[in-house]
Each structure stands twice: as C-alpha cells, then as structure tokens.
Amino acid sequence: MKRGLFTVAVLLLLGYGLFEAWRLLEGPQLSILSPVDGSATSSPAILIEGTAKNIAFLTINDKPSYTDETGHFRQLLSVPPGYTVVTVAATDRFGRRASESVSITMLNFCPVESYG
C-alpha cells in the first residue's frame, strides 16, 4: 500500500515538473491585439493592447511596460504625424527575447481655406 502511494506521489511530482519545464522551454509569448498592423488614425495618441506570457520584462518602443495578473498589457502611446512603427518586446528570465511590431500612420489633416 505504501509503495503504491509513493509511486503515485512520484508520478504526480514528475508530471508537475514536466508541466512547469514546458513553460520554461517555450520562452516568451507575445501578441499585439490592437492596433491592427497598417492602420491609420487622426488621433495623436493610440492605445497599444496585447498579451504576454512567460515574461520577466516588457517594453513598448524601448520604454518599460507592465502586464496585469492575466498577462494583458495596455498603454497609451503618443505618435507623431506620419508613419510610425510600434515595437513590443518581451524578455524571459533566461534572457530569451520575443518581439512584435505594428505600423501606424497618423494622418495630419490641414483645414481647407475657401477662396471666393
């Protein structure tokens, strides 16, 4: 009886160890949910949203950012007129890195004067 319980306990510990090791082997996972790549806006501020898993450090355009307890991040970013590339990068505790980028065009409309 004791031998059977010991075997079950060892198998459970091995299973848990493999489960945790898989997350370590997988490395950082990163996804930008918003804005869509190639989108255009007339607003000088955009909301960057996404998810990150298995990370120790997160940056958006080389500035530190943070995730909530579920792995979601949200950050308001001001963009200059014209074409801009936003890069989100994540690093895990072993130094492995993942990054994703989206391009955004901030349209700068000028008022039209009427002549006449």
C-alpha atoms as a PDB file:
ATOM      1  CA  MET A   1       0.000   0.000   0.000  1.00  0.00           C
ATOM      2  CA  LYS A   2       2.763   2.445   0.959  1.00  0.00           C
ATOM      3  CA  ARG A   3       4.660   1.607  -2.201  1.00  0.00           C
ATOM      4  CA  GLY A   4       1.609   2.411  -4.352  1.00  0.00           C
ATOM      5  CA  LEU A   5       1.110   5.794  -2.654  1.00  0.00           C
ATOM      6  CA  PHE A   6       4.797   6.577  -3.072  1.00  0.00           C
ATOM      7  CA  THR A   7       4.617   5.711  -6.782  1.00  0.00           C
ATOM      8  CA  VAL A   8       1.560   7.937  -7.269  1.00  0.00           C
ATOM      9  CA  ALA A   9       3.258  10.813  -5.427  1.00  0.00           C
ATOM     10  CA  VAL A  10       6.411  10.479  -7.552  1.00  0.00           C
ATOM     11  CA  LEU A  11       4.367  10.393 -10.764  1.00  0.00           C
ATOM     12  CA  LEU A  12       2.433  13.497  -9.714  1.00  0.00           C
ATOM     13  CA  LEU A  13       5.659  15.342  -8.934  1.00  0.00           C
ATOM     14  CA  LEU A  14       7.182  14.318 -12.264  1.00  0.00           C
ATOM     15  CA  GLY A  15       4.048  15.418 -14.112  1.00  0.00           C
ATOM     16  CA  TYR A  16       4.055  18.788 -12.396  1.00  0.00           C
ATOM     17  CA  GLY A  17       7.776  19.186 -13.092  1.00  0.00           C
ATOM     18  CA  LEU A  18       7.258  18.477 -16.792  1.00  0.00           C
ATOM     19  CA  PHE A  19       4.358  20.937 -16.908  1.00  0.00           C
ATOM     20  CA  GLU A  20       6.493  23.706 -15.372  1.00  0.00           C
ATOM     21  CA  ALA A  21       9.520  22.809 -17.505  1.00  0.00           C
ATOM     22  CA  TRP A  22       7.439  23.118 -20.677  1.00  0.00           C
ATOM     23  CA  ARG A  23       6.660  26.761 -19.849  1.00  0.00           C
ATOM     24  CA  LEU A  24      10.362  27.408 -19.315  1.00  0.00           C
ATOM     25  CA  LEU A  25      11.338  25.739 -22.589  1.00  0.00           C
ATOM     26  CA  GLU A  26       8.648  27.576 -24.535  1.00  0.00           C
ATOM     27  CA  GLY A  27      10.128  31.038 -23.939  1.00  0.00           C
ATOM     28  CA  PRO A  28       8.269  34.359 -24.009  1.00  0.00           C
ATOM     29  CA  GLN A  29       4.962  34.520 -25.893  1.00  0.00           C
ATOM     30  CA  LEU A  30       3.764  37.881 -27.214  1.00  0.00           C
ATOM     31  CA  SER A  31       0.766  39.107 -29.200  1.00  0.00           C
ATOM     32  CA  ILE A  32      -0.352  42.640 -30.146  1.00  0.00           C
ATOM     33  CA  LEU A  33      -4.159  42.758 -30.271  1.00  0.00           C
ATOM     34  CA  SER A  34      -4.604  46.453 -31.067  1.00  0.00           C
ATOM     35  CA  PRO A  35      -3.955  48.488 -33.193  1.00  0.00           C
ATOM     36  CA  VAL A  36      -4.056  46.450 -36.372  1.00  0.00           C
ATOM     37  CA  ASP A  37      -0.870  46.497 -38.446  1.00  0.00           C
ATOM     38  CA  GLY A  38      -1.098  49.093 -41.223  1.00  0.00           C
ATOM     39  CA  SER A  39      -3.904  51.068 -39.610  1.00  0.00           C
ATOM     40  CA  ALA A  40      -4.325  54.835 -39.914  1.00  0.00           C
ATOM     41  CA  THR A  41      -5.571  57.283 -37.320  1.00  0.00           C
ATOM     42  CA  SER A  42      -6.060  61.013 -36.946  1.00  0.00           C
ATOM     43  CA  SER A  43      -5.528  60.834 -33.188  1.00  0.00           C
ATOM     44  CA  PRO A  44      -2.066  61.708 -31.844  1.00  0.00           C
ATOM     45  CA  ALA A  45      -2.492  59.047 -29.120  1.00  0.00           C
ATOM     46  CA  ILE A  46      -3.080  55.336 -29.704  1.00  0.00           C
ATOM     47  CA  LEU A  47      -3.845  52.531 -27.287  1.00  0.00           C
ATOM     48  CA  ILE A  48      -1.492  49.558 -27.576  1.00  0.00           C
ATOM     49  CA  GLU A  49      -3.087  46.360 -26.244  1.00  0.00           C
ATOM     50  CA  GLY A  50      -1.919  42.773 -26.200  1.00  0.00           C
ATOM     51  CA  THR A  51      -0.952  39.709 -24.222  1.00  0.00           C
ATOM     52  CA  ALA A  52       2.368  38.402 -22.954  1.00  0.00           C
ATOM     53  CA  LYS A  53       3.188  35.089 -21.259  1.00  0.00           C
ATOM     54  CA  ASN A  54       6.326  33.666 -19.669  1.00  0.00           C
ATOM     55  CA  ILE A  55       7.990  37.078 -19.413  1.00  0.00           C
ATOM     56  CA  ALA A  56      10.138  38.893 -16.892  1.00  0.00           C
ATOM     57  CA  PHE A  57      10.382  42.246 -18.697  1.00  0.00           C
ATOM     58  CA  LEU A  58       8.207  44.048 -21.279  1.00  0.00           C
ATOM     59  CA  THR A  59       8.912  47.175 -23.337  1.00  0.00           C
ATOM     60  CA  ILE A  60       6.903  49.212 -25.822  1.00  0.00           C
ATOM     61  CA  ASN A  61       9.192  51.251 -28.090  1.00  0.00           C
ATOM     62  CA  ASP A  62      12.041  50.647 -25.616  1.00  0.00           C
ATOM     63  CA  LYS A  63      10.074  52.040 -22.643  1.00  0.00           C
ATOM     64  CA  PRO A  64       9.154  49.701 -19.754  1.00  0.00           C
ATOM     65  CA  SER A  65       5.579  48.465 -19.651  1.00  0.00           C
ATOM     66  CA  TYR A  66       3.701  46.019 -17.444  1.00  0.00           C
ATOM     67  CA  THR A  67       1.128  43.257 -17.658  1.00  0.00           C
ATOM     68  CA  ASP A  68      -1.770  42.613 -15.314  1.00  0.00           C
ATOM     69  CA  GLU A  69      -2.167  39.305 -13.470  1.00  0.00           C
ATOM     70  CA  THR A  70      -3.731  37.690 -16.562  1.00  0.00           C
ATOM     71  CA  GLY A  71      -0.870  38.701 -18.880  1.00  0.00           C
ATOM     72  CA  HIS A  72      -2.644  41.582 -20.650  1.00  0.00           C
ATOM     73  CA  PHE A  73      -0.964  44.914 -21.273  1.00  0.00           C
ATOM     74  CA  ARG A  74      -2.414  48.315 -22.241  1.00  0.00           C
ATOM     75  CA  GLN A  75      -0.501  51.507 -22.820  1.00  0.00           C
ATOM     76  CA  LEU A  76      -1.410  54.857 -24.329  1.00  0.00           C
ATOM     77  CA  LEU A  77       1.299  55.990 -26.724  1.00  0.00           C
ATOM     78  CA  SER A  78       1.607  59.346 -28.453  1.00  0.00           C
ATOM     79  CA  VAL A  79       2.647  59.147 -32.097  1.00  0.00           C
ATOM     80  CA  PRO A  80       3.984  61.878 -34.371  1.00  0.00           C
ATOM     81  CA  PRO A  81       2.311  62.699 -37.702  1.00  0.00           C
ATOM     82  CA  GLY A  82       3.271  60.301 -40.456  1.00  0.00           C
ATOM     83  CA  TYR A  83       4.436  56.694 -40.419  1.00  0.00           C
ATOM     84  CA  THR A  84       5.364  55.070 -37.092  1.00  0.00           C
ATOM     85  CA  VAL A  85       6.423  51.556 -36.148  1.00  0.00           C
ATOM     86  CA  VAL A  86       5.494  50.396 -32.645  1.00  0.00           C
ATOM     87  CA  THR A  87       7.590  47.521 -31.303  1.00  0.00           C
ATOM     88  CA  VAL A  88       6.621  45.482 -28.258  1.00  0.00           C
ATOM     89  CA  ALA A  89       9.431  43.323 -26.881  1.00  0.00           C
ATOM     90  CA  ALA A  90       9.420  40.752 -24.093  1.00  0.00           C
ATOM     91  CA  THR A  91      12.305  39.036 -22.325  1.00  0.00           C
ATOM     92  CA  ASP A  92      12.032  35.980 -20.082  1.00  0.00           C
ATOM     93  CA  ARG A  93      14.161  35.306 -17.008  1.00  0.00           C
ATOM     94  CA  PHE A  94      16.695  33.385 -19.118  1.00  0.00           C
ATOM     95  CA  GLY A  95      17.277  36.325 -21.476  1.00  0.00           C
ATOM     96  CA  ARG A  96      15.304  34.892 -24.387  1.00  0.00           C
ATOM     97  CA  ARG A  97      13.527  37.614 -26.331  1.00  0.00           C
ATOM     98  CA  ALA A  98      10.412  37.878 -28.484  1.00  0.00           C
ATOM     99  CA  SER A  99       9.126  40.961 -30.269  1.00  0.00           C
ATOM    100  CA  GLU A 100       6.243  42.056 -32.461  1.00  0.00           C
ATOM    101  CA  SER A 101       5.761  45.256 -34.426  1.00  0.00           C
ATOM    102  CA  VAL A 102       2.839  47.097 -35.987  1.00  0.00           C
ATOM    103  CA  SER A 103       2.945  50.074 -38.328  1.00  0.00           C
ATOM    104  CA  ILE A 104       0.599  53.014 -37.873  1.00  0.00           C
ATOM    105  CA  THR A 105       0.074  56.133 -39.940  1.00  0.00           C
ATOM    106  CA  MET A 106      -1.026  59.247 -38.097  1.00  0.00           C
ATOM    107  CA  LEU A 107      -2.872  61.410 -40.597  1.00  0.00           C
ATOM    108  CA  ASN A 108      -2.346  65.133 -40.204  1.00  0.00           C
ATOM    109  CA  PHE A 109      -5.270  66.894 -41.856  1.00  0.00           C
ATOM    110  CA  CYS A 110      -4.931  70.567 -42.721  1.00  0.00           C
ATOM    111  CA  PRO A 111      -8.005  72.792 -42.825  1.00  0.00           C
ATOM    112  CA  VAL A 112      -9.104  73.797 -46.314  1.00  0.00           C
ATOM    113  CA  GLU A 113      -9.439  77.500 -46.991  1.00  0.00           C
ATOM    114  CA  SER A 114     -12.159  78.624 -49.337  1.00  0.00           C
ATOM    115  CA  TYR A 115     -11.383  81.268 -51.907  1.00  0.00           C
ATOM    116  CA  GLY A 116     -14.038  83.267 -53.462  1.00  0.00           C
END
